[in-house]
């Protein structure tokens, strides 16, 4: 990954799933996600209600941006 801007060393690349505040690697080991992104900081990984809403929305329209407002919910 030499083409990516390096802010810090990448130390682990085999995370296969997330649940709440944890990440799990391919060997099943659990890690606290201390570097979570914008969504998972507040909601955790794999929140069932959020996942349900996302699935319902992508069946309608996945992205329109700000140029095309709509009444979909």
PDB file of N, CA and C in Angstrom:
ATOM      1  N   UNK A   1       0.828  -1.195   0.000  1.00  0.00           N
ATOM      2  CA  UNK A   1       0.000   0.000   0.000  1.00  0.00           C
ATOM      3  C   UNK A   1       0.871   1.256   0.000  1.00  0.00           C
ATOM      4  N   UNK A   2       1.812   1.312  -0.852  1.00  0.00           N
ATOM      5  CA  UNK A   2       2.716   2.458  -0.913  1.00  0.00           C
ATOM      6  C   UNK A   2       2.067   3.712  -1.459  1.00  0.00           C
ATOM      7  N   UNK A   3       0.932   3.582  -2.119  1.00  0.00           N
ATOM      8  CA  UNK A   3       0.262   4.725  -2.720  1.00  0.00           C
ATOM      9  C   UNK A   3      -0.644   5.475  -1.747  1.00  0.00           C
ATOM     10  N   UNK A   4      -0.829   4.972  -0.538  1.00  0.00           N
ATOM     11  CA  UNK A   4      -1.704   5.611   0.447  1.00  0.00           C
ATOM     12  C   UNK A   4      -0.889   6.557   1.316  1.00  0.00           C
ATOM     13  N   UNK A   5      -1.445   7.747   1.577  1.00  0.00           N
ATOM     14  CA  UNK A   5      -0.794   8.694   2.467  1.00  0.00           C
ATOM     15  C   UNK A   5      -0.602   8.047   3.832  1.00  0.00           C
ATOM     16  N   UNK A   6       0.622   8.010   4.291  1.00  0.00           N
ATOM     17  CA  UNK A   6       0.921   7.328   5.549  1.00  0.00           C
ATOM     18  C   UNK A   6       0.907   8.328   6.700  1.00  0.00           C
ATOM     19  N   UNK A   7      -0.097   8.221   7.553  1.00  0.00           N
ATOM     20  CA  UNK A   7      -0.163   9.026   8.768  1.00  0.00           C
ATOM     21  C   UNK A   7       0.427   8.239   9.931  1.00  0.00           C
ATOM     22  N   UNK A   8       0.312   6.951   9.878  1.00  0.00           N
ATOM     23  CA  UNK A   8       0.864   6.057  10.890  1.00  0.00           C
ATOM     24  C   UNK A   8       1.012   4.678  10.262  1.00  0.00           C
ATOM     25  N   UNK A   9       1.763   3.839  10.909  1.00  0.00           N
ATOM     26  CA  UNK A   9       1.986   2.495  10.391  1.00  0.00           C
ATOM     27  C   UNK A   9       0.702   1.672  10.461  1.00  0.00           C
ATOM     28  N   UNK A  10       0.426   0.908   9.422  1.00  0.00           N
ATOM     29  CA  UNK A  10      -0.704  -0.013   9.424  1.00  0.00           C
ATOM     30  C   UNK A  10      -0.232  -1.290  10.085  1.00  0.00           C
ATOM     31  N   UNK A  11      -0.859  -1.657  11.198  1.00  0.00           N
ATOM     32  CA  UNK A  11      -0.365  -2.786  11.975  1.00  0.00           C
ATOM     33  C   UNK A  11      -1.199  -4.053  11.827  1.00  0.00           C
ATOM     34  N   UNK A  12      -2.425  -3.959  11.349  1.00  0.00           N
ATOM     35  CA  UNK A  12      -3.265  -5.147  11.238  1.00  0.00           C
ATOM     36  C   UNK A  12      -4.198  -4.982  10.046  1.00  0.00           C
ATOM     37  N   UNK A  13      -4.306  -6.014   9.220  1.00  0.00           N
ATOM     38  CA  UNK A  13      -5.134  -5.887   8.025  1.00  0.00           C
ATOM     39  C   UNK A  13      -6.105  -7.044   7.840  1.00  0.00           C
ATOM     40  N   UNK A  14      -6.256  -7.888   8.858  1.00  0.00           N
ATOM     41  CA  UNK A  14      -7.127  -9.050   8.660  1.00  0.00           C
ATOM     42  C   UNK A  14      -8.393  -9.019   9.511  1.00  0.00           C
ATOM     43  N   UNK A  15      -8.942  -7.820   9.761  1.00  0.00           N
ATOM     44  CA  UNK A  15     -10.227  -7.746  10.451  1.00  0.00           C
ATOM     45  C   UNK A  15     -11.319  -8.212   9.502  1.00  0.00           C
ATOM     46  N   UNK A  16     -12.181  -9.070   9.984  1.00  0.00           N
ATOM     47  CA  UNK A  16     -13.214  -9.638   9.133  1.00  0.00           C
ATOM     48  C   UNK A  16     -14.622  -9.237   9.540  1.00  0.00           C
ATOM     49  N   UNK A  17     -14.784  -8.728  10.772  1.00  0.00           N
ATOM     50  CA  UNK A  17     -16.108  -8.255  11.168  1.00  0.00           C
ATOM     51  C   UNK A  17     -15.999  -7.354  12.386  1.00  0.00           C
ATOM     52  N   UNK A  18     -17.066  -6.591  12.598  1.00  0.00           N
ATOM     53  CA  UNK A  18     -17.145  -5.734  13.766  1.00  0.00           C
ATOM     54  C   UNK A  18     -18.468  -5.960  14.466  1.00  0.00           C
ATOM     55  N   UNK A  19     -18.471  -5.782  15.770  1.00  0.00           N
ATOM     56  CA  UNK A  19     -19.690  -5.918  16.565  1.00  0.00           C
ATOM     57  C   UNK A  19     -19.570  -4.993  17.763  1.00  0.00           C
ATOM     58  N   UNK A  20     -20.533  -4.078  17.884  1.00  0.00           N
ATOM     59  CA  UNK A  20     -20.508  -3.062  18.933  1.00  0.00           C
ATOM     60  C   UNK A  20     -19.186  -2.300  18.865  1.00  0.00           C
ATOM     61  N   UNK A  21     -18.396  -2.278  19.925  1.00  0.00           N
ATOM     62  CA  UNK A  21     -17.131  -1.532  19.908  1.00  0.00           C
ATOM     63  C   UNK A  21     -15.942  -2.434  19.603  1.00  0.00           C
ATOM     64  N   UNK A  22     -16.189  -3.631  19.106  1.00  0.00           N
ATOM     65  CA  UNK A  22     -15.113  -4.592  18.878  1.00  0.00           C
ATOM     66  C   UNK A  22     -14.916  -4.895  17.391  1.00  0.00           C
ATOM     67  N   UNK A  23     -13.673  -5.245  17.057  1.00  0.00           N
ATOM     68  CA  UNK A  23     -13.318  -5.792  15.756  1.00  0.00           C
ATOM     69  C   UNK A  23     -12.795  -7.202  15.984  1.00  0.00           C
ATOM     70  N   UNK A  24     -13.031  -8.085  15.018  1.00  0.00           N
ATOM     71  CA  UNK A  24     -12.577  -9.473  15.109  1.00  0.00           C
ATOM     72  C   UNK A  24     -11.703  -9.777  13.912  1.00  0.00           C
ATOM     73  N   UNK A  25     -10.575 -10.453  14.173  1.00  0.00           N
ATOM     74  CA  UNK A  25      -9.689 -10.805  13.068  1.00  0.00           C
ATOM     75  C   UNK A  25     -10.049 -12.185  12.520  1.00  0.00           C
ATOM     76  N   UNK A  26      -9.320 -12.613  11.511  1.00  0.00           N
ATOM     77  CA  UNK A  26      -9.632 -13.875  10.840  1.00  0.00           C
ATOM     78  C   UNK A  26      -9.396 -15.093  11.731  1.00  0.00           C
ATOM     79  N   UNK A  27      -8.715 -14.921  12.840  1.00  0.00           N
ATOM     80  CA  UNK A  27      -8.493 -16.016  13.797  1.00  0.00           C
ATOM     81  C   UNK A  27      -9.502 -15.995  14.943  1.00  0.00           C
ATOM     82  N   UNK A  28     -10.459 -15.039  14.899  1.00  0.00           N
ATOM     83  CA  UNK A  28     -11.479 -14.950  15.931  1.00  0.00           C
ATOM     84  C   UNK A  28     -11.092 -14.136  17.152  1.00  0.00           C
ATOM     85  N   UNK A  29      -9.903 -13.521  17.134  1.00  0.00           N
ATOM     86  CA  UNK A  29      -9.476 -12.699  18.260  1.00  0.00           C
ATOM     87  C   UNK A  29     -10.233 -11.371  18.251  1.00  0.00           C
ATOM     88  N   UNK A  30     -10.573 -10.886  19.447  1.00  0.00           N
ATOM     89  CA  UNK A  30     -11.366  -9.667  19.602  1.00  0.00           C
ATOM     90  C   UNK A  30     -10.472  -8.505  20.023  1.00  0.00           C
ATOM     91  N   UNK A  31     -10.724  -7.323  19.417  1.00  0.00           N
ATOM     92  CA  UNK A  31      -9.973  -6.103  19.709  1.00  0.00           C
ATOM     93  C   UNK A  31     -10.965  -4.971  19.951  1.00  0.00           C
ATOM     94  N   UNK A  32     -10.675  -4.101  20.905  1.00  0.00           N
ATOM     95  CA  UNK A  32     -11.473  -2.893  21.078  1.00  0.00           C
ATOM     96  C   UNK A  32     -11.103  -1.945  19.942  1.00  0.00           C
ATOM     97  N   UNK A  33     -12.106  -1.421  19.247  1.00  0.00           N
ATOM     98  CA  UNK A  33     -11.870  -0.519  18.119  1.00  0.00           C
ATOM     99  C   UNK A  33     -11.628   0.892  18.656  1.00  0.00           C
ATOM    100  N   UNK A  34     -10.390   1.197  18.956  1.00  0.00           N
ATOM    101  CA  UNK A  34     -10.045   2.512  19.487  1.00  0.00           C
ATOM    102  C   UNK A  34      -9.836   3.549  18.386  1.00  0.00           C
ATOM    103  N   UNK A  35      -9.980   3.150  17.140  1.00  0.00           N
ATOM    104  CA  UNK A  35      -9.825   4.081  16.026  1.00  0.00           C
ATOM    105  C   UNK A  35     -11.050   4.020  15.113  1.00  0.00           C
ATOM    106  N   UNK A  36     -12.207   3.882  15.702  1.00  0.00           N
ATOM    107  CA  UNK A  36     -13.436   3.731  14.918  1.00  0.00           C
ATOM    108  C   UNK A  36     -13.731   4.979  14.105  1.00  0.00           C
ATOM    109  N   UNK A  37     -14.458   4.775  13.034  1.00  0.00           N
ATOM    110  CA  UNK A  37     -14.812   5.881  12.162  1.00  0.00           C
ATOM    111  C   UNK A  37     -16.006   6.655  12.694  1.00  0.00           C
ATOM    112  N   UNK A  38     -16.456   7.606  11.927  1.00  0.00           N
ATOM    113  CA  UNK A  38     -17.533   8.505  12.339  1.00  0.00           C
ATOM    114  C   UNK A  38     -18.780   7.735  12.759  1.00  0.00           C
ATOM    115  N   UNK A  39     -19.211   6.754  11.989  1.00  0.00           N
ATOM    116  CA  UNK A  39     -20.435   6.019  12.293  1.00  0.00           C
ATOM    117  C   UNK A  39     -20.258   5.114  13.500  1.00  0.00           C
ATOM    118  N   UNK A  40     -19.207   4.336  13.496  1.00  0.00           N
ATOM    119  CA  UNK A  40     -19.079   3.325  14.549  1.00  0.00           C
ATOM    120  C   UNK A  40     -18.692   3.909  15.899  1.00  0.00           C
ATOM    121  N   UNK A  41     -18.196   5.127  15.941  1.00  0.00           N
ATOM    122  CA  UNK A  41     -17.916   5.760  17.228  1.00  0.00           C
ATOM    123  C   UNK A  41     -19.198   5.912  18.026  1.00  0.00           C
ATOM    124  N   UNK A  42     -20.241   6.394  17.400  1.00  0.00           N
ATOM    125  CA  UNK A  42     -21.502   6.649  18.100  1.00  0.00           C
ATOM    126  C   UNK A  42     -22.426   5.437  18.134  1.00  0.00           C
ATOM    127  N   UNK A  43     -22.398   4.609  17.100  1.00  0.00           N
ATOM    128  CA  UNK A  43     -23.383   3.548  16.966  1.00  0.00           C
ATOM    129  C   UNK A  43     -22.836   2.145  17.165  1.00  0.00           C
ATOM    130  N   UNK A  44     -21.534   1.997  17.118  1.00  0.00           N
ATOM    131  CA  UNK A  44     -20.932   0.669  17.182  1.00  0.00           C
ATOM    132  C   UNK A  44     -20.997  -0.009  15.820  1.00  0.00           C
ATOM    133  N   UNK A  45     -20.356  -1.142  15.718  1.00  0.00           N
ATOM    134  CA  UNK A  45     -20.362  -1.919  14.472  1.00  0.00           C
ATOM    135  C   UNK A  45     -21.578  -2.839  14.467  1.00  0.00           C
ATOM    136  N   UNK A  46     -22.250  -2.940  13.333  1.00  0.00           N
ATOM    137  CA  UNK A  46     -23.315  -3.922  13.153  1.00  0.00           C
ATOM    138  C   UNK A  46     -24.572  -3.682  13.975  1.00  0.00           C
ATOM    139  N   UNK A  47     -24.915  -2.431  14.250  1.00  0.00           N
ATOM    140  CA  UNK A  47     -26.120  -2.139  15.023  1.00  0.00           C
ATOM    141  C   UNK A  47     -27.344  -2.618  14.237  1.00  0.00           C
ATOM    142  N   UNK A  48     -28.153  -3.518  14.796  1.00  0.00           N
ATOM    143  CA  UNK A  48     -29.254  -4.128  14.034  1.00  0.00           C
ATOM    144  C   UNK A  48     -30.256  -3.125  13.467  1.00  0.00           C
ATOM    145  N   UNK A  49     -30.633  -2.130  14.224  1.00  0.00           N
ATOM    146  CA  UNK A  49     -31.631  -1.163  13.740  1.00  0.00           C
ATOM    147  C   UNK A  49     -31.055  -0.311  12.611  1.00  0.00           C
ATOM    148  N   UNK A  50     -29.828   0.131  12.769  1.00  0.00           N
ATOM    149  CA  UNK A  50     -29.191   0.932  11.725  1.00  0.00           C
ATOM    150  C   UNK A  50     -29.015   0.104  10.458  1.00  0.00           C
ATOM    151  N   UNK A  51     -28.581  -1.144  10.591  1.00  0.00           N
ATOM    152  CA  UNK A  51     -28.431  -2.014   9.421  1.00  0.00           C
ATOM    153  C   UNK A  51     -29.757  -2.226   8.710  1.00  0.00           C
ATOM    154  N   UNK A  52     -30.841  -2.375   9.453  1.00  0.00           N
ATOM    155  CA  UNK A  52     -32.174  -2.562   8.857  1.00  0.00           C
ATOM    156  C   UNK A  52     -32.567  -1.328   8.046  1.00  0.00           C
ATOM    157  N   UNK A  53     -32.334  -0.154   8.586  1.00  0.00           N
ATOM    158  CA  UNK A  53     -32.682   1.089   7.890  1.00  0.00           C
ATOM    159  C   UNK A  53     -31.833   1.249   6.629  1.00  0.00           C
ATOM    160  N   UNK A  54     -30.546   0.927   6.717  1.00  0.00           N
ATOM    161  CA  UNK A  54     -29.670   1.030   5.547  1.00  0.00           C
ATOM    162  C   UNK A  54     -30.127   0.069   4.456  1.00  0.00           C
ATOM    163  N   UNK A  55     -30.446  -1.163   4.824  1.00  0.00           N
ATOM    164  CA  UNK A  55     -30.920  -2.138   3.826  1.00  0.00           C
ATOM    165  C   UNK A  55     -32.194  -1.644   3.137  1.00  0.00           C
ATOM    166  N   UNK A  56     -33.115  -1.107   3.921  1.00  0.00           N
ATOM    167  CA  UNK A  56     -34.368  -0.600   3.346  1.00  0.00           C
ATOM    168  C   UNK A  56     -34.094   0.564   2.390  1.00  0.00           C
ATOM    169  N   UNK A  57     -33.185   1.455   2.745  1.00  0.00           N
ATOM    170  CA  UNK A  57     -32.900   2.609   1.900  1.00  0.00           C
ATOM    171  C   UNK A  57     -32.206   2.213   0.603  1.00  0.00           C
ATOM    172  N   UNK A  58     -31.283   1.266   0.627  1.00  0.00           N
ATOM    173  CA  UNK A  58     -30.589   0.924  -0.621  1.00  0.00           C
ATOM    174  C   UNK A  58     -31.506   0.218  -1.610  1.00  0.00           C
ATOM    175  N   UNK A  59     -32.631  -0.288  -1.139  1.00  0.00           N
ATOM    176  CA  UNK A  59     -33.627  -0.858  -2.054  1.00  0.00           C
ATOM    177  C   UNK A  59     -34.348   0.249  -2.822  1.00  0.00           C
ATOM    178  N   UNK A  60     -34.311   1.480  -2.299  1.00  0.00           N
ATOM    179  CA  UNK A  60     -34.963   2.624  -2.953  1.00  0.00           C
ATOM    180  C   UNK A  60     -33.942   3.395  -3.784  1.00  0.00           C
ATOM    181  N   UNK A  61     -33.105   4.161  -3.122  1.00  0.00           N
ATOM    182  CA  UNK A  61     -32.058   4.960  -3.759  1.00  0.00           C
ATOM    183  C   UNK A  61     -30.870   4.952  -2.811  1.00  0.00           C
ATOM    184  N   UNK A  62     -29.680   4.620  -3.327  1.00  0.00           N
ATOM    185  CA  UNK A  62     -28.524   4.527  -2.432  1.00  0.00           C
ATOM    186  C   UNK A  62     -27.866   5.876  -2.182  1.00  0.00           C
ATOM    187  N   UNK A  63     -27.878   6.773  -3.188  1.00  0.00           N
ATOM    188  CA  UNK A  63     -27.240   8.073  -2.988  1.00  0.00           C
ATOM    189  C   UNK A  63     -27.723   9.065  -4.033  1.00  0.00           C
ATOM    190  N   UNK A  64     -28.089  10.250  -3.596  1.00  0.00           N
ATOM    191  CA  UNK A  64     -28.461  11.322  -4.506  1.00  0.00           C
ATOM    192  C   UNK A  64     -27.625  12.574  -4.297  1.00  0.00           C
ATOM    193  N   UNK A  65     -26.933  12.684  -3.188  1.00  0.00           N
ATOM    194  CA  UNK A  65     -26.166  13.892  -2.910  1.00  0.00           C
ATOM    195  C   UNK A  65     -27.079  15.044  -2.535  1.00  0.00           C
ATOM    196  N   UNK A  66     -26.538  16.255  -2.543  1.00  0.00           N
ATOM    197  CA  UNK A  66     -27.328  17.431  -2.153  1.00  0.00           C
ATOM    198  C   UNK A  66     -27.953  18.140  -3.343  1.00  0.00           C
ATOM    199  N   UNK A  67     -27.580  17.763  -4.550  1.00  0.00           N
ATOM    200  CA  UNK A  67     -28.103  18.427  -5.749  1.00  0.00           C
ATOM    201  C   UNK A  67     -29.536  18.009  -6.086  1.00  0.00           C
ATOM    202  N   UNK A  68     -29.918  16.803  -5.666  1.00  0.00           N
ATOM    203  CA  UNK A  68     -31.249  16.292  -5.990  1.00  0.00           C
ATOM    204  C   UNK A  68     -32.006  15.935  -4.710  1.00  0.00           C
ATOM    205  N   UNK A  69     -32.564  16.927  -4.025  1.00  0.00           N
ATOM    206  CA  UNK A  69     -33.318  16.612  -2.798  1.00  0.00           C
ATOM    207  C   UNK A  69     -34.521  15.744  -3.109  1.00  0.00           C
ATOM    208  N   UNK A  70     -34.946  14.978  -2.125  1.00  0.00           N
ATOM    209  CA  UNK A  70     -36.077  14.076  -2.323  1.00  0.00           C
ATOM    210  C   UNK A  70     -36.819  13.870  -1.017  1.00  0.00           C
ATOM    211  N   UNK A  71     -37.969  13.265  -1.103  1.00  0.00           N
ATOM    212  CA  UNK A  71     -38.790  13.012   0.089  1.00  0.00           C
ATOM    213  C   UNK A  71     -38.695  11.563   0.564  1.00  0.00           C
ATOM    214  N   UNK A  72     -37.765  10.773   0.001  1.00  0.00           N
ATOM    215  CA  UNK A  72     -37.624   9.399   0.440  1.00  0.00           C
ATOM    216  C   UNK A  72     -37.167   9.334   1.888  1.00  0.00           C
ATOM    217  N   UNK A  73     -37.720   8.356   2.600  1.00  0.00           N
ATOM    218  CA  UNK A  73     -37.280   8.170   3.984  1.00  0.00           C
ATOM    219  C   UNK A  73     -37.265   6.705   4.311  1.00  0.00           C
TER     220      UNK A  73
END
